[in-house]
Amino acid sequence: MKLTKWSVMTLTALTVTTSLSTAADWPHWRGPDYDGISKETDWNPAAVNTPKIVWEAQVGAGYSAVSVVAGKLYTSGNFNKDTDAISCLDANTGKPLWRYEFPEPLAPKYYSGGSSATPTVDDGKVYLASKSGKIFCLDAATGKVVWKKEFGLKMPTWGFSSSALIHGKAVIFNAGSSGVAYDKQTGAVLWTSEDDACGYATPVPYQTDGKPTLAMFAKDTVMAVNPDNGKVLWAYPWKTQHDVNAADPVVNGKRMFITSGYGHGGSLVDFSGTQPEKVWENKDMRSHMSGPVLIDGYLYGFDDNRLTCLDWTTGEEKWDEKSPKKGALMAAGNKLIVLGEDGRLAIVEASPAGYKEIAAAAVVDGRCWTMPILANGRIHARNSDGHLVCIDVSKGAKP
């Protein structure tokens, strides 16, 4: 495990800590509010029609999204089929700043393999867990190891894919039957759960009567977990084919939407009572990987190989669009940012009235299953081979 040689040359220049982030930064998986929605408004959706690629980089094979904090971009990927790396790039130029490498197999299994989780940046540190369960806390400025360890828990079929969630002094992962938490400064175990295979989604934080709670997607249930001690507050059965629960739950008030692929579907669950109860369930949003977003009472997400819109309250399908296939999305305000499986980037109105594109263009080739990320007037899109492109969509960018 090492820092690559060229990384040493950059260390003296990195004096600004990552805690000095801006409002348009994207510090971890699913963004500042953990919902896949950015509050950024200072960007030009129409610029996607004639995309200006500011820089390109090779970040290694896999499906890690990017995190952008204080002018630096963090992601992960696999190189040479036997090495994973956590990479830090200059977010403005794409110039490599440092890269921390460690042994990790590509591990293709009915797909191309490579890294799964997205780095989490918090208070000058970067946290990541690999598919085999290696955990790293690195200095965000230098890439030097602060601490490292391993889950030592049963690995699911396609490896661990949870990104790190920061809660107070803890860093929490979806591993074991209902999660595991470490002291984010030292790596000491704060609490753990039974040694069982986990789901593939990242823990989602929300409030229950003013108390912090996590939505944890296990292999065959969704659970509410107390992040302070790991206690399971309630559980709702959700058995899926191959135990693949990968799309993050969406929480609004005391209701939670869960969705899984392989023909299963989605369900809205009410947890206001003593036991969670189903409000509705259908097969109109079977999200295999990419989690949906909730905007003004409507869900926008992938139903296997099509994009669809559902009414949050009733589950009624409002429209569907097949062109993105099995892609990924996020949102900014009332705009969907959709990266199709074939690398076509589309900006779409978030409206139940119908699918309406504002702008679209092919931006990267190969298979694209990773969430595109808007941060500071730029959209970042990658393919499974690790080709990452940065596209200027700032107010000054011309369509």
Protein backbone atom coordinates (compact mmCIF):
# COMPACT_ATOMS: atom_id res chain seq x y z
CA MET A 1 0.00 0.00 0.00
CA LYS A 2 1.59 3.26 -1.08
CA LEU A 3 1.33 6.77 -2.38
CA THR A 4 2.53 6.99 -5.98
CA LYS A 5 5.81 8.83 -6.58
CA TRP A 6 4.35 11.88 -8.29
CA SER A 7 2.05 12.55 -5.34
CA VAL A 8 4.95 13.61 -3.11
CA MET A 9 5.69 16.59 -5.37
CA THR A 10 2.30 18.14 -4.68
CA LEU A 11 2.06 17.88 -0.91
CA THR A 12 3.62 21.22 0.02
CA ALA A 13 1.10 23.09 -2.14
CA LEU A 14 -1.95 21.65 -0.42
CA THR A 15 -2.30 23.93 2.57
CA VAL A 16 -6.05 24.61 2.42
CA THR A 17 -7.98 22.03 4.41
CA THR A 18 -11.04 20.32 2.97
CA SER A 19 -13.20 21.59 5.80
CA LEU A 20 -13.31 24.96 3.98
CA SER A 21 -15.91 23.76 1.49
CA THR A 22 -18.26 25.92 -0.55
CA ALA A 23 -22.03 25.76 -0.86
CA ALA A 24 -21.75 24.11 -4.28
CA ASP A 25 -19.38 21.36 -3.12
CA TRP A 26 -20.43 17.70 -3.15
CA PRO A 27 -18.61 16.08 -0.19
CA HIS A 28 -19.99 12.56 -0.27
CA TRP A 29 -22.32 10.04 -1.92
CA ARG A 30 -25.76 11.51 -2.77
CA GLY A 31 -24.59 15.02 -1.85
CA PRO A 32 -24.84 17.42 1.12
CA ASP A 33 -28.42 16.40 2.05
CA TYR A 34 -27.97 12.69 1.21
CA ASP A 35 -30.85 12.83 -1.27
CA GLY A 36 -29.16 13.14 -4.66
CA ILE A 37 -30.29 16.77 -5.02
CA SER A 38 -28.03 19.81 -5.30
CA LYS A 39 -29.04 23.31 -4.23
CA GLU A 40 -26.71 24.78 -6.84
CA THR A 41 -28.40 27.39 -9.04
CA ASP A 42 -25.46 29.16 -10.69
CA TRP A 43 -25.21 26.87 -13.73
CA ASN A 44 -26.42 26.75 -17.32
CA PRO A 45 -28.33 23.57 -18.26
CA ALA A 46 -28.38 24.54 -21.95
CA ALA A 47 -24.57 24.32 -22.09
CA VAL A 48 -24.91 20.53 -22.29
CA ASN A 49 -26.15 20.88 -25.89
CA THR A 50 -22.61 21.73 -27.00
CA PRO A 51 -20.59 20.34 -24.11
CA LYS A 52 -17.25 21.97 -23.34
CA ILE A 53 -14.99 19.33 -21.79
CA VAL A 54 -12.63 21.17 -19.45
CA TRP A 55 -10.47 18.15 -18.65
CA GLU A 56 -10.40 14.36 -18.82
CA ALA A 57 -8.72 11.81 -16.55
CA GLN A 58 -8.26 8.08 -16.10
CA VAL A 59 -9.29 7.16 -12.56
CA GLY A 60 -9.42 3.35 -12.75
CA ALA A 61 -12.13 0.83 -13.50
CA GLY A 62 -15.32 0.79 -11.47
CA TYR A 63 -18.39 2.75 -10.53
CA SER A 64 -17.28 5.20 -7.86
CA ALA A 65 -18.81 8.65 -8.23
CA VAL A 66 -16.81 11.76 -7.34
CA SER A 67 -16.74 13.97 -4.26
CA VAL A 68 -15.69 17.60 -4.68
CA VAL A 69 -14.51 19.71 -1.75
CA ALA A 70 -12.48 22.95 -1.59
CA GLY A 71 -11.18 22.74 -5.14
CA LYS A 72 -10.25 19.07 -5.00
CA LEU A 73 -11.96 16.02 -6.48
CA TYR A 74 -11.83 12.53 -4.94
CA THR A 75 -12.79 9.20 -6.49
CA SER A 76 -11.66 5.57 -6.62
CA GLY A 77 -10.96 2.92 -9.23
CA ASN A 78 -9.09 -0.28 -10.09
CA PHE A 79 -5.83 -0.42 -12.04
CA ASN A 80 -4.16 -3.43 -13.65
CA LYS A 81 -6.88 -5.78 -12.32
CA ASP A 82 -5.19 -6.13 -8.92
CA THR A 83 -4.86 -2.63 -7.46
CA ASP A 84 -7.44 -0.13 -6.27
CA ALA A 85 -6.60 3.53 -5.79
CA ILE A 86 -8.16 6.52 -4.06
CA SER A 87 -7.33 9.49 -6.29
CA CYS A 88 -7.27 13.21 -5.56
CA LEU A 89 -7.32 15.61 -8.52
CA ASP A 90 -7.34 19.35 -8.86
CA ALA A 91 -11.04 19.99 -9.53
CA ASN A 92 -10.28 22.93 -11.82
CA THR A 93 -7.64 21.32 -14.06
CA GLY A 94 -7.90 17.57 -13.51
CA LYS A 95 -4.20 17.52 -12.53
CA PRO A 96 -3.36 14.55 -10.26
CA LEU A 97 -2.48 15.67 -6.75
CA TRP A 98 -2.06 12.31 -5.05
CA ARG A 99 -3.10 8.68 -5.44
CA TYR A 100 -3.16 6.08 -2.68
CA GLU A 101 -2.92 2.51 -3.96
CA PHE A 102 -3.66 -0.80 -2.25
CA PRO A 103 -4.08 -4.44 -3.33
CA GLU A 104 -7.64 -5.20 -4.45
CA PRO A 105 -8.85 -7.58 -7.19
CA LEU A 106 -10.96 -6.29 -10.08
CA ALA A 107 -13.46 -9.06 -9.19
CA PRO A 108 -15.71 -9.06 -12.27
CA LYS A 109 -18.88 -11.12 -11.77
CA TYR A 110 -21.47 -10.79 -14.55
CA TYR A 111 -20.16 -7.23 -14.97
CA SER A 112 -16.78 -5.57 -15.53
CA GLY A 113 -15.83 -5.24 -11.86
CA GLY A 114 -13.83 -2.52 -10.14
CA SER A 115 -14.47 -0.17 -7.24
CA SER A 116 -17.99 0.46 -5.96
CA ALA A 117 -17.98 3.03 -3.14
CA THR A 118 -17.50 6.80 -3.37
CA PRO A 119 -15.00 8.58 -1.07
CA THR A 120 -16.46 10.61 1.79
CA VAL A 121 -14.67 13.86 2.69
CA ASP A 122 -15.05 15.26 6.20
CA ASP A 123 -12.97 17.71 8.22
CA GLY A 124 -9.76 17.19 6.27
CA LYS A 125 -10.07 13.40 6.03
CA VAL A 126 -11.14 10.99 3.26
CA TYR A 127 -12.94 7.74 4.13
CA LEU A 128 -13.49 4.74 1.86
CA ALA A 129 -14.23 1.01 2.14
CA SER A 130 -13.19 -1.33 -0.67
CA LYS A 131 -15.22 -4.21 -2.11
CA SER A 132 -13.29 -6.76 -0.03
CA GLY A 133 -13.82 -4.76 3.18
CA LYS A 134 -10.59 -2.79 3.60
CA ILE A 135 -11.30 0.56 5.30
CA PHE A 136 -9.15 3.66 4.95
CA CYS A 137 -9.00 7.05 6.57
CA LEU A 138 -6.58 9.28 4.67
CA ASP A 139 -5.41 12.84 5.07
CA ALA A 140 -7.35 14.73 2.39
CA ALA A 141 -4.45 17.08 1.60
CA THR A 142 -1.65 14.52 1.30
CA GLY A 143 -3.22 11.06 0.95
CA LYS A 144 -1.23 9.79 3.91
CA VAL A 145 -2.85 7.07 6.02
CA VAL A 146 -4.44 8.22 9.28
CA TRP A 147 -5.76 4.74 10.05
CA LYS A 148 -6.79 1.58 8.24
CA LYS A 149 -8.48 -1.69 9.13
CA GLU A 150 -10.90 -4.32 7.76
CA PHE A 151 -14.55 -5.10 8.40
CA GLY A 152 -13.91 -8.78 9.17
CA LEU A 153 -17.57 -9.41 8.38
CA LYS A 154 -19.30 -11.63 5.82
CA MET A 155 -18.99 -10.15 2.35
CA PRO A 156 -22.05 -9.98 0.08
CA THR A 157 -21.88 -11.62 -3.37
CA TRP A 158 -20.68 -8.50 -5.24
CA GLY A 159 -18.56 -7.12 -2.42
CA PHE A 160 -19.12 -4.22 -0.05
CA SER A 161 -20.35 -1.07 -1.78
CA SER A 162 -21.40 1.21 1.09
CA SER A 163 -19.90 4.67 1.11
CA ALA A 164 -18.99 6.10 4.50
CA LEU A 165 -21.52 8.12 6.50
CA ILE A 166 -20.25 10.59 9.09
CA HIS A 167 -22.34 10.96 12.26
CA GLY A 168 -20.74 13.09 14.97
CA LYS A 169 -17.52 11.33 15.98
CA ALA A 170 -18.48 8.16 14.10
CA VAL A 171 -17.96 6.91 10.56
CA ILE A 172 -20.65 4.35 9.71
CA PHE A 173 -20.85 1.74 6.93
CA ASN A 174 -23.48 -0.69 5.74
CA ALA A 175 -21.70 -3.90 6.75
CA GLY A 176 -22.85 -6.83 8.84
CA SER A 177 -26.54 -7.39 9.51
CA SER A 178 -27.29 -3.76 10.42
CA GLY A 179 -24.14 -1.66 10.12
CA VAL A 180 -20.86 -0.96 11.86
CA ALA A 181 -19.43 2.27 13.30
CA TYR A 182 -15.86 3.37 13.96
CA ASP A 183 -14.34 6.36 15.70
CA LYS A 184 -13.58 8.60 12.73
CA GLN A 185 -10.34 9.85 14.29
CA THR A 186 -8.82 6.56 15.50
CA GLY A 187 -10.70 3.72 13.78
CA ALA A 188 -11.72 2.18 17.10
CA VAL A 189 -14.96 0.16 16.86
CA LEU A 190 -17.86 2.05 18.45
CA TRP A 191 -20.57 -0.51 17.69
CA THR A 192 -21.12 -3.39 15.31
CA SER A 193 -23.82 -5.88 14.27
CA GLU A 194 -24.14 -9.59 13.62
CA ASP A 195 -21.84 -11.23 11.07
CA ASP A 196 -24.21 -11.50 8.13
CA ALA A 197 -24.16 -10.32 4.51
CA CYS A 198 -25.35 -6.74 4.11
CA GLY A 199 -27.20 -4.86 1.39
CA TYR A 200 -25.39 -2.65 -1.14
CA ALA A 201 -26.92 0.74 -0.31
CA THR A 202 -25.27 3.42 1.83
CA PRO A 203 -26.93 4.34 5.17
CA VAL A 204 -29.34 7.26 4.78
CA PRO A 205 -29.67 9.70 7.72
CA TYR A 206 -33.00 11.23 8.71
CA GLN A 207 -34.82 12.47 11.82
CA THR A 208 -37.47 10.59 13.80
CA ASP A 209 -39.21 12.94 16.23
CA GLY A 210 -36.07 15.05 16.35
CA LYS A 211 -33.76 12.08 16.92
CA PRO A 212 -31.09 11.02 14.39
CA THR A 213 -31.91 7.74 12.62
CA LEU A 214 -30.45 5.74 9.75
CA ALA A 215 -32.28 3.89 7.00
CA MET A 216 -30.19 0.76 6.50
CA PHE A 217 -30.92 -1.53 3.54
CA ALA A 218 -29.94 -5.08 4.51
CA LYS A 219 -29.97 -8.09 2.20
CA ASP A 220 -33.65 -8.88 2.88
CA THR A 221 -35.01 -6.02 5.02
CA VAL A 222 -34.92 -2.28 5.40
CA MET A 223 -34.27 -1.11 8.95
CA ALA A 224 -34.28 2.00 11.09
CA VAL A 225 -31.05 2.09 13.11
CA ASN A 226 -29.98 4.32 15.98
CA PRO A 227 -26.61 5.75 14.78
CA ASP A 228 -25.43 6.32 18.35
CA ASN A 229 -25.47 2.65 19.37
CA GLY A 230 -26.50 0.54 16.37
CA LYS A 231 -29.82 -0.52 17.91
CA VAL A 232 -32.42 -1.61 15.33
CA LEU A 233 -35.59 0.40 15.96
CA TRP A 234 -37.78 -1.40 13.42
CA ALA A 235 -37.43 -3.66 10.39
CA TYR A 236 -39.56 -4.17 7.29
CA PRO A 237 -39.09 -7.31 5.15
CA TRP A 238 -37.89 -6.75 1.57
CA LYS A 239 -36.60 -9.97 0.05
CA THR A 240 -35.14 -9.57 -3.44
CA GLN A 241 -33.57 -11.86 -5.99
CA HIS A 242 -29.84 -12.39 -5.30
CA ASP A 243 -30.22 -10.25 -2.13
CA VAL A 244 -29.56 -7.09 -4.17
CA ASN A 245 -30.87 -4.04 -2.34
CA ALA A 246 -28.65 -1.33 -3.82
CA ALA A 247 -30.69 1.85 -4.34
CA ASP A 248 -30.68 4.14 -1.31
CA PRO A 249 -34.05 4.52 0.46
CA VAL A 250 -35.79 7.91 0.17
CA VAL A 251 -37.29 9.33 3.38
CA ASN A 252 -39.88 12.10 3.62
CA GLY A 253 -41.59 12.76 6.96
CA LYS A 254 -42.52 9.38 8.40
CA ARG A 255 -42.65 7.57 5.10
CA MET A 256 -39.86 5.76 3.27
CA PHE A 257 -39.65 4.65 -0.35
CA ILE A 258 -37.64 1.51 -1.09
CA THR A 259 -36.91 0.01 -4.49
CA SER A 260 -34.96 -2.91 -5.95
CA GLY A 261 -34.34 -4.42 -9.36
CA TYR A 262 -34.54 -7.96 -10.74
CA GLY A 263 -38.26 -7.51 -11.30
CA HIS A 264 -39.09 -6.65 -7.68
CA GLY A 265 -40.36 -3.06 -7.73
CA GLY A 266 -40.87 -0.30 -5.18
CA SER A 267 -42.93 0.37 -2.07
CA LEU A 268 -43.85 3.30 0.13
CA VAL A 269 -43.68 2.36 3.82
CA ASP A 270 -45.32 4.32 6.66
CA PHE A 271 -43.35 4.10 9.92
CA SER A 272 -45.43 6.51 12.00
CA GLY A 273 -46.92 3.71 14.13
CA THR A 274 -45.43 1.02 16.32
CA GLN A 275 -44.71 -1.14 13.26
CA PRO A 276 -44.00 -0.07 9.66
CA GLU A 277 -46.86 -0.62 7.22
CA LYS A 278 -47.09 -0.70 3.45
CA VAL A 279 -48.87 2.27 1.84
CA TRP A 280 -48.49 1.03 -1.72
CA GLU A 281 -46.30 -1.29 -3.76
CA ASN A 282 -45.91 -1.78 -7.51
CA LYS A 283 -43.43 -2.72 -10.24
CA ASP A 284 -43.24 0.69 -11.92
CA MET A 285 -39.87 1.65 -10.38
CA ARG A 286 -37.51 -1.32 -10.15
CA SER A 287 -34.23 0.48 -9.44
CA HIS A 288 -31.35 -1.92 -9.85
CA MET A 289 -28.57 0.49 -8.83
CA SER A 290 -29.26 4.20 -9.14
CA GLY A 291 -31.46 5.58 -6.36
CA PRO A 292 -34.40 7.89 -7.15
CA VAL A 293 -34.90 11.53 -6.17
CA LEU A 294 -38.03 13.10 -4.66
CA ILE A 295 -39.05 16.54 -5.94
CA ASP A 296 -42.33 18.31 -5.10
CA GLY A 297 -44.22 15.11 -4.35
CA TYR A 298 -42.93 13.02 -7.26
CA LEU A 299 -40.29 10.33 -7.50
CA TYR A 300 -37.93 10.28 -10.48
CA GLY A 301 -35.86 7.16 -10.92
CA PHE A 302 -34.97 4.11 -12.97
CA ASP A 303 -37.32 1.24 -13.58
CA ASP A 304 -34.67 -1.25 -14.69
CA ASN A 305 -33.87 0.09 -18.20
CA ARG A 306 -36.16 3.12 -18.40
CA LEU A 307 -36.57 6.39 -16.53
CA THR A 308 -39.94 6.91 -14.86
CA CYS A 309 -41.90 9.33 -12.68
CA LEU A 310 -44.23 8.18 -9.88
CA ASP A 311 -46.61 10.01 -7.57
CA TRP A 312 -45.14 9.73 -4.05
CA THR A 313 -48.55 9.46 -2.37
CA THR A 314 -50.26 6.94 -4.66
CA GLY A 315 -47.51 5.25 -6.67
CA GLU A 316 -49.26 6.16 -9.93
CA GLU A 317 -46.90 6.25 -12.90
CA LYS A 318 -46.95 9.64 -14.63
CA TRP A 319 -44.53 8.97 -17.51
CA ASP A 320 -41.65 6.82 -18.67
CA GLU A 321 -38.69 7.27 -21.04
CA LYS A 322 -36.60 4.44 -22.46
CA SER A 323 -33.64 6.34 -23.95
CA PRO A 324 -31.37 6.40 -20.84
CA LYS A 325 -31.64 2.60 -20.44
CA LYS A 326 -29.97 1.48 -17.18
CA GLY A 327 -28.40 4.82 -16.31
CA ALA A 328 -28.01 7.06 -13.25
CA LEU A 329 -29.26 10.46 -12.16
CA MET A 330 -29.14 13.31 -9.68
CA ALA A 331 -31.04 16.59 -9.59
CA ALA A 332 -30.39 20.29 -9.15
CA GLY A 333 -33.48 22.24 -8.17
CA ASN A 334 -36.22 21.19 -10.59
CA LYS A 335 -33.81 19.79 -13.19
CA LEU A 336 -32.82 16.13 -13.54
CA ILE A 337 -29.24 15.42 -14.58
CA VAL A 338 -29.39 12.02 -16.27
CA LEU A 339 -26.42 10.02 -17.54
CA GLY A 340 -27.64 7.26 -19.82
CA GLU A 341 -26.00 3.86 -19.92
CA ASP A 342 -24.47 4.76 -23.30
CA GLY A 343 -22.87 7.99 -22.05
CA ARG A 344 -25.54 10.42 -23.23
CA LEU A 345 -25.99 13.25 -20.73
CA ALA A 346 -29.45 14.84 -20.59
CA ILE A 347 -30.90 17.70 -18.57
CA VAL A 348 -34.60 17.02 -18.03
CA GLU A 349 -37.43 19.00 -16.47
CA ALA A 350 -38.51 17.44 -13.16
CA SER A 351 -42.21 17.55 -13.93
CA PRO A 352 -44.99 14.96 -13.73
CA ALA A 353 -46.45 16.40 -16.94
CA GLY A 354 -44.05 14.43 -19.11
CA TYR A 355 -40.46 13.78 -20.13
CA LYS A 356 -39.04 17.05 -21.48
CA GLU A 357 -35.36 17.42 -22.35
CA ILE A 358 -33.76 20.84 -21.99
CA ALA A 359 -30.41 19.78 -23.41
CA ALA A 360 -28.54 16.57 -24.27
CA ALA A 361 -25.28 15.34 -25.78
CA ALA A 362 -23.01 12.29 -25.81
CA VAL A 363 -20.16 13.07 -23.40
CA VAL A 364 -18.39 9.76 -22.74
CA ASP A 365 -18.34 6.34 -24.37
CA GLY A 366 -18.53 2.86 -22.83
CA ARG A 367 -20.86 1.68 -20.08
CA CYS A 368 -22.07 4.39 -17.71
CA TRP A 369 -23.79 3.31 -14.50
CA THR A 370 -22.31 5.95 -12.19
CA MET A 371 -24.20 9.00 -10.92
CA PRO A 372 -23.16 12.21 -12.73
CA ILE A 373 -22.14 14.93 -10.29
CA LEU A 374 -22.77 18.68 -10.59
CA ALA A 375 -20.38 20.68 -8.44
CA ASN A 376 -19.39 24.34 -8.79
CA GLY A 377 -20.69 24.78 -12.32
CA ARG A 378 -19.26 21.56 -13.69
CA ILE A 379 -20.75 18.15 -14.37
CA HIS A 380 -18.54 15.11 -13.87
CA ALA A 381 -19.36 11.91 -15.75
CA ARG A 382 -17.44 8.62 -15.95
CA ASN A 383 -17.67 5.20 -17.54
CA SER A 384 -16.90 1.79 -16.08
CA ASP A 385 -13.38 1.81 -17.56
CA GLY A 386 -12.51 4.88 -15.50
CA HIS A 387 -12.69 7.57 -18.19
CA LEU A 388 -13.79 10.69 -16.29
CA VAL A 389 -14.81 13.90 -18.05
CA CYS A 390 -15.44 17.32 -16.54
CA ILE A 391 -17.94 19.50 -18.45
CA ASP A 392 -18.33 23.25 -18.03
CA VAL A 393 -21.96 24.20 -17.33
CA SER A 394 -21.27 27.42 -15.49
CA LYS A 395 -23.32 30.54 -16.16
CA GLY A 396 -20.62 31.73 -18.54
CA ALA A 397 -20.64 28.53 -20.59
CA LYS A 398 -22.30 29.07 -23.95
CA PRO A 399 -24.74 26.49 -25.42
